[in-house]
Amino acid sequence: MYNLHPGYLPWGRGYYPVFWALWEQTPAGATLHEIVPALDKGPIVMQIRVRQYPYDTGGSLHERVRRAEREIFRQVWPKILGGDRPPTRPAPPEKGSYHSKADFVALREHADVGALSGGQLLRLVRALTFPGLPGLQVDLGGRLFHLSLEELQEGRTAADPGRLQA
């Protein structure tokens, strides 16, 4: 049995690997691996690393990771259907990362935003920005707000005329 995982193993084992790649600044990508009892630690059939950009959100990076998953599937599935067992290599010996759903929820809903630098806060909001999801939850004076990013116009750059200056 195989698992097509939206993380560049050994990083991103567990829950929401794309979020953690952005937040922790670790590699992102897709991995096809054999299933073994240890979570996301089986021998690797194929991996594609996906580049991260400074303007990426969780949603934009996730879309590129999904494309990498489709490419892996396109290349390997016909071999499996043909009865060939794809060659594997051992999972990398690096420790990598693992996060549970509870880790994700705790950060999304209970992050101490006052203790984060401006860069860290922006990176957290970027990582939590997915289409249809609420983003970072913050408590401002007992009232809850969600923070997320929305690109103004696709392809528009910071040097464009009419940009508001901070």
C-alpha atoms as a PDB file:
ATOM      1  CA  MET A   1       0.000   0.000   0.000  1.00  0.00           C
ATOM      2  CA  TYR A   2       1.106   3.541  -0.752  1.00  0.00           C
ATOM      3  CA  ASN A   3       0.381   7.010   0.556  1.00  0.00           C
ATOM      4  CA  LEU A   4       0.547  10.136  -1.596  1.00  0.00           C
ATOM      5  CA  HIS A   5       1.418  12.730   1.033  1.00  0.00           C
ATOM      6  CA  PRO A   6       1.307  16.553   0.628  1.00  0.00           C
ATOM      7  CA  GLY A   7       4.624  17.012   2.430  1.00  0.00           C
ATOM      8  CA  TYR A   8       8.299  16.707   1.549  1.00  0.00           C
ATOM      9  CA  LEU A   9       9.180  13.914   3.974  1.00  0.00           C
ATOM     10  CA  PRO A  10      10.705  13.719   6.493  1.00  0.00           C
ATOM     11  CA  TRP A  11       9.321  17.239   7.021  1.00  0.00           C
ATOM     12  CA  GLY A  12       5.589  17.703   7.312  1.00  0.00           C
ATOM     13  CA  ARG A  13       4.594  14.373   8.814  1.00  0.00           C
ATOM     14  CA  GLY A  14       1.128  14.486  10.331  1.00  0.00           C
ATOM     15  CA  TYR A  15      -1.460  17.246  10.060  1.00  0.00           C
ATOM     16  CA  TYR A  16      -1.441  20.131   7.503  1.00  0.00           C
ATOM     17  CA  PRO A  17       2.117  19.777   6.181  1.00  0.00           C
ATOM     18  CA  VAL A  18       1.792  22.815   3.878  1.00  0.00           C
ATOM     19  CA  PHE A  19       0.934  25.070   6.822  1.00  0.00           C
ATOM     20  CA  TRP A  20       3.944  23.823   8.798  1.00  0.00           C
ATOM     21  CA  ALA A  21       6.314  24.231   5.829  1.00  0.00           C
ATOM     22  CA  LEU A  22       5.419  27.935   5.621  1.00  0.00           C
ATOM     23  CA  TRP A  23       5.318  28.559   9.367  1.00  0.00           C
ATOM     24  CA  GLU A  24       8.549  26.697  10.194  1.00  0.00           C
ATOM     25  CA  GLN A  25      10.279  27.541   6.909  1.00  0.00           C
ATOM     26  CA  THR A  26      10.971  23.892   6.125  1.00  0.00           C
ATOM     27  CA  PRO A  27      10.841  22.132   2.735  1.00  0.00           C
ATOM     28  CA  ALA A  28       7.469  21.752   1.012  1.00  0.00           C
ATOM     29  CA  GLY A  29       6.490  19.213  -1.602  1.00  0.00           C
ATOM     30  CA  ALA A  30       4.828  15.891  -2.264  1.00  0.00           C
ATOM     31  CA  THR A  31       5.949  12.364  -1.427  1.00  0.00           C
ATOM     32  CA  LEU A  32       4.711   8.941  -2.494  1.00  0.00           C
ATOM     33  CA  HIS A  33       5.796   6.356   0.070  1.00  0.00           C
ATOM     34  CA  GLU A  34       4.977   2.866   1.196  1.00  0.00           C
ATOM     35  CA  ILE A  35       2.738   2.649   4.245  1.00  0.00           C
ATOM     36  CA  VAL A  36       4.393   1.252   7.364  1.00  0.00           C
ATOM     37  CA  PRO A  37       3.203   1.282  10.999  1.00  0.00           C
ATOM     38  CA  ALA A  38       5.143   4.499  11.786  1.00  0.00           C
ATOM     39  CA  LEU A  39       3.305   7.570  10.449  1.00  0.00           C
ATOM     40  CA  ASP A  40       4.709   8.877   7.139  1.00  0.00           C
ATOM     41  CA  LYS A  41       8.020   7.015   7.578  1.00  0.00           C
ATOM     42  CA  GLY A  42       7.803   4.324   4.887  1.00  0.00           C
ATOM     43  CA  PRO A  43      10.288   3.822   2.056  1.00  0.00           C
ATOM     44  CA  ILE A  44       9.997   6.585  -0.540  1.00  0.00           C
ATOM     45  CA  VAL A  45       8.917   5.889  -4.105  1.00  0.00           C
ATOM     46  CA  MET A  46       9.095   9.458  -5.433  1.00  0.00           C
ATOM     47  CA  GLN A  47       9.280  13.035  -4.176  1.00  0.00           C
ATOM     48  CA  ILE A  48       8.916  16.460  -5.742  1.00  0.00           C
ATOM     49  CA  ARG A  49      10.093  19.506  -3.814  1.00  0.00           C
ATOM     50  CA  VAL A  50       8.013  22.659  -4.325  1.00  0.00           C
ATOM     51  CA  ARG A  51       9.618  26.074  -4.134  1.00  0.00           C
ATOM     52  CA  GLN A  52       8.246  28.591  -1.629  1.00  0.00           C
ATOM     53  CA  TYR A  53       7.944  32.288  -2.473  1.00  0.00           C
ATOM     54  CA  PRO A  54       7.811  35.255  -0.067  1.00  0.00           C
ATOM     55  CA  TYR A  55       4.259  36.020  -1.245  1.00  0.00           C
ATOM     56  CA  ASP A  56       2.958  32.475  -0.775  1.00  0.00           C
ATOM     57  CA  THR A  57      -0.059  31.807   1.372  1.00  0.00           C
ATOM     58  CA  GLY A  58      -1.090  28.402   2.613  1.00  0.00           C
ATOM     59  CA  GLY A  59      -3.543  28.284  -0.274  1.00  0.00           C
ATOM     60  CA  SER A  60      -1.090  29.180  -3.040  1.00  0.00           C
ATOM     61  CA  LEU A  61       1.589  26.785  -1.793  1.00  0.00           C
ATOM     62  CA  HIS A  62      -1.020  24.051  -1.293  1.00  0.00           C
ATOM     63  CA  GLU A  63      -2.108  24.402  -4.933  1.00  0.00           C
ATOM     64  CA  ARG A  64       1.468  23.866  -6.164  1.00  0.00           C
ATOM     65  CA  VAL A  65       1.894  20.893  -3.815  1.00  0.00           C
ATOM     66  CA  ARG A  66      -1.318  19.408  -5.257  1.00  0.00           C
ATOM     67  CA  ARG A  67       0.136  19.801  -8.770  1.00  0.00           C
ATOM     68  CA  ALA A  68       3.264  17.953  -7.593  1.00  0.00           C
ATOM     69  CA  GLU A  69       1.067  15.173  -6.177  1.00  0.00           C
ATOM     70  CA  ARG A  70      -0.763  14.873  -9.503  1.00  0.00           C
ATOM     71  CA  GLU A  71       2.580  14.677 -11.335  1.00  0.00           C
ATOM     72  CA  ILE A  72       3.809  11.896  -9.052  1.00  0.00           C
ATOM     73  CA  PHE A  73       0.535  10.028  -9.554  1.00  0.00           C
ATOM     74  CA  ARG A  74       0.736  10.513 -13.335  1.00  0.00           C
ATOM     75  CA  GLN A  75       4.244   9.046 -13.425  1.00  0.00           C
ATOM     76  CA  VAL A  76       3.899   6.159 -10.970  1.00  0.00           C
ATOM     77  CA  TRP A  77       0.284   4.950 -11.218  1.00  0.00           C
ATOM     78  CA  PRO A  78       0.617   3.391 -14.701  1.00  0.00           C
ATOM     79  CA  LYS A  79       3.574   1.314 -13.449  1.00  0.00           C
ATOM     80  CA  ILE A  80       1.577   0.085 -10.457  1.00  0.00           C
ATOM     81  CA  LEU A  81      -1.401  -0.751 -12.698  1.00  0.00           C
ATOM     82  CA  GLY A  82       0.967  -2.651 -14.967  1.00  0.00           C
ATOM     83  CA  GLY A  83       1.968  -4.851 -12.046  1.00  0.00           C
ATOM     84  CA  ASP A  84       5.362  -3.272 -11.469  1.00  0.00           C
ATOM     85  CA  ARG A  85       6.359  -2.569  -7.908  1.00  0.00           C
ATOM     86  CA  PRO A  86       8.076   0.813  -8.062  1.00  0.00           C
ATOM     87  CA  PRO A  87      11.595   0.972  -6.649  1.00  0.00           C
ATOM     88  CA  THR A  88      11.940   2.659  -3.266  1.00  0.00           C
ATOM     89  CA  ARG A  89      14.669   4.229  -1.185  1.00  0.00           C
ATOM     90  CA  PRO A  90      14.772   4.382   2.588  1.00  0.00           C
ATOM     91  CA  ALA A  91      13.077   7.323   4.254  1.00  0.00           C
ATOM     92  CA  PRO A  92      15.656  10.052   4.951  1.00  0.00           C
ATOM     93  CA  PRO A  93      17.402   9.662   8.314  1.00  0.00           C
ATOM     94  CA  GLU A  94      16.796  13.322   9.249  1.00  0.00           C
ATOM     95  CA  LYS A  95      14.392  13.846  12.108  1.00  0.00           C
ATOM     96  CA  GLY A  96      12.173  16.141  10.026  1.00  0.00           C
ATOM     97  CA  SER A  97       8.965  17.317  11.666  1.00  0.00           C
ATOM     98  CA  TYR A  98       5.682  15.963  12.944  1.00  0.00           C
ATOM     99  CA  HIS A  99       2.624  17.929  14.072  1.00  0.00           C
ATOM    100  CA  SER A 100      -0.782  16.820  15.284  1.00  0.00           C
ATOM    101  CA  LYS A 101      -4.132  18.466  14.706  1.00  0.00           C
ATOM    102  CA  ALA A 102      -3.972  19.721  18.312  1.00  0.00           C
ATOM    103  CA  ASP A 103      -0.644  21.479  17.521  1.00  0.00           C
ATOM    104  CA  PHE A 104      -2.293  23.235  14.579  1.00  0.00           C
ATOM    105  CA  VAL A 105      -5.442  24.272  16.460  1.00  0.00           C
ATOM    106  CA  ALA A 106      -3.411  25.548  19.422  1.00  0.00           C
ATOM    107  CA  LEU A 107      -1.329  27.799  17.169  1.00  0.00           C
ATOM    108  CA  ARG A 108      -4.278  29.001  15.072  1.00  0.00           C
ATOM    109  CA  GLU A 109      -6.531  29.787  18.007  1.00  0.00           C
ATOM    110  CA  HIS A 110      -4.170  30.549  20.870  1.00  0.00           C
ATOM    111  CA  ALA A 111      -0.992  32.046  19.415  1.00  0.00           C
ATOM    112  CA  ASP A 112       0.494  34.756  21.626  1.00  0.00           C
ATOM    113  CA  VAL A 113       0.487  37.307  18.799  1.00  0.00           C
ATOM    114  CA  GLY A 114       1.929  39.974  21.101  1.00  0.00           C
ATOM    115  CA  ALA A 115       5.079  37.896  21.550  1.00  0.00           C
ATOM    116  CA  LEU A 116       5.619  37.418  17.797  1.00  0.00           C
ATOM    117  CA  SER A 117       7.811  39.720  15.732  1.00  0.00           C
ATOM    118  CA  GLY A 118       6.122  41.484  12.820  1.00  0.00           C
ATOM    119  CA  GLY A 119       7.747  39.014  10.409  1.00  0.00           C
ATOM    120  CA  GLN A 120       6.584  36.024  12.425  1.00  0.00           C
ATOM    121  CA  LEU A 121       3.039  37.371  12.635  1.00  0.00           C
ATOM    122  CA  LEU A 122       2.923  37.962   8.888  1.00  0.00           C
ATOM    123  CA  ARG A 123       4.321  34.473   8.224  1.00  0.00           C
ATOM    124  CA  LEU A 124       1.682  32.943  10.528  1.00  0.00           C
ATOM    125  CA  VAL A 125      -1.132  34.838   8.792  1.00  0.00           C
ATOM    126  CA  ARG A 126       0.278  33.795   5.381  1.00  0.00           C
ATOM    127  CA  ALA A 127       0.467  30.142   6.455  1.00  0.00           C
ATOM    128  CA  LEU A 128      -3.136  30.221   7.716  1.00  0.00           C
ATOM    129  CA  THR A 129      -4.565  31.874   4.598  1.00  0.00           C
ATOM    130  CA  PHE A 130      -6.478  29.209   2.656  1.00  0.00           C
ATOM    131  CA  PRO A 131      -9.534  29.838   0.463  1.00  0.00           C
ATOM    132  CA  GLY A 132     -12.699  29.302   2.478  1.00  0.00           C
ATOM    133  CA  LEU A 133     -10.925  29.084   5.849  1.00  0.00           C
ATOM    134  CA  PRO A 134     -10.920  31.788   8.535  1.00  0.00           C
ATOM    135  CA  GLY A 135      -7.190  32.427   9.019  1.00  0.00           C
ATOM    136  CA  LEU A 136      -5.573  33.402  12.312  1.00  0.00           C
ATOM    137  CA  GLN A 137      -7.973  33.880  15.222  1.00  0.00           C
ATOM    138  CA  VAL A 138      -7.053  36.786  17.529  1.00  0.00           C
ATOM    139  CA  ASP A 139      -8.698  38.145  20.664  1.00  0.00           C
ATOM    140  CA  LEU A 140      -8.779  41.937  20.755  1.00  0.00           C
ATOM    141  CA  GLY A 141     -10.284  43.155  24.001  1.00  0.00           C
ATOM    142  CA  GLY A 142     -12.554  40.128  24.349  1.00  0.00           C
ATOM    143  CA  ARG A 143     -13.756  40.246  20.729  1.00  0.00           C
ATOM    144  CA  LEU A 144     -12.586  37.607  18.260  1.00  0.00           C
ATOM    145  CA  PHE A 145     -11.257  38.446  14.784  1.00  0.00           C
ATOM    146  CA  HIS A 146      -9.827  36.402  11.930  1.00  0.00           C
ATOM    147  CA  LEU A 147      -6.776  37.626  10.027  1.00  0.00           C
ATOM    148  CA  SER A 148      -5.955  36.445   6.517  1.00  0.00           C
ATOM    149  CA  LEU A 149      -4.410  37.855   3.347  1.00  0.00           C
ATOM    150  CA  GLU A 150      -6.005  38.650   0.043  1.00  0.00           C
ATOM    151  CA  GLU A 151      -3.903  39.649  -2.954  1.00  0.00           C
ATOM    152  CA  LEU A 152      -5.064  43.005  -4.306  1.00  0.00           C
ATOM    153  CA  GLN A 153      -4.653  42.240  -7.999  1.00  0.00           C
ATOM    154  CA  GLU A 154      -2.885  39.240  -9.430  1.00  0.00           C
ATOM    155  CA  GLY A 155       0.457  40.288 -10.814  1.00  0.00           C
ATOM    156  CA  ARG A 156       0.412  43.741  -9.220  1.00  0.00           C
ATOM    157  CA  THR A 157       3.723  44.584  -7.551  1.00  0.00           C
ATOM    158  CA  ALA A 158       4.622  46.819  -4.608  1.00  0.00           C
ATOM    159  CA  ALA A 159       6.242  49.305  -7.017  1.00  0.00           C
ATOM    160  CA  ASP A 160       2.962  49.944  -8.898  1.00  0.00           C
ATOM    161  CA  PRO A 161       1.630  53.507  -8.895  1.00  0.00           C
ATOM    162  CA  GLY A 162      -1.188  54.089  -6.419  1.00  0.00           C
ATOM    163  CA  ARG A 163       0.296  51.869  -3.733  1.00  0.00           C
ATOM    164  CA  LEU A 164      -0.346  53.075  -0.219  1.00  0.00           C
ATOM    165  CA  GLN A 165       2.856  53.668   1.697  1.00  0.00           C
ATOM    166  CA  ALA A 166       3.141  52.448   5.297  1.00  0.00           C
END
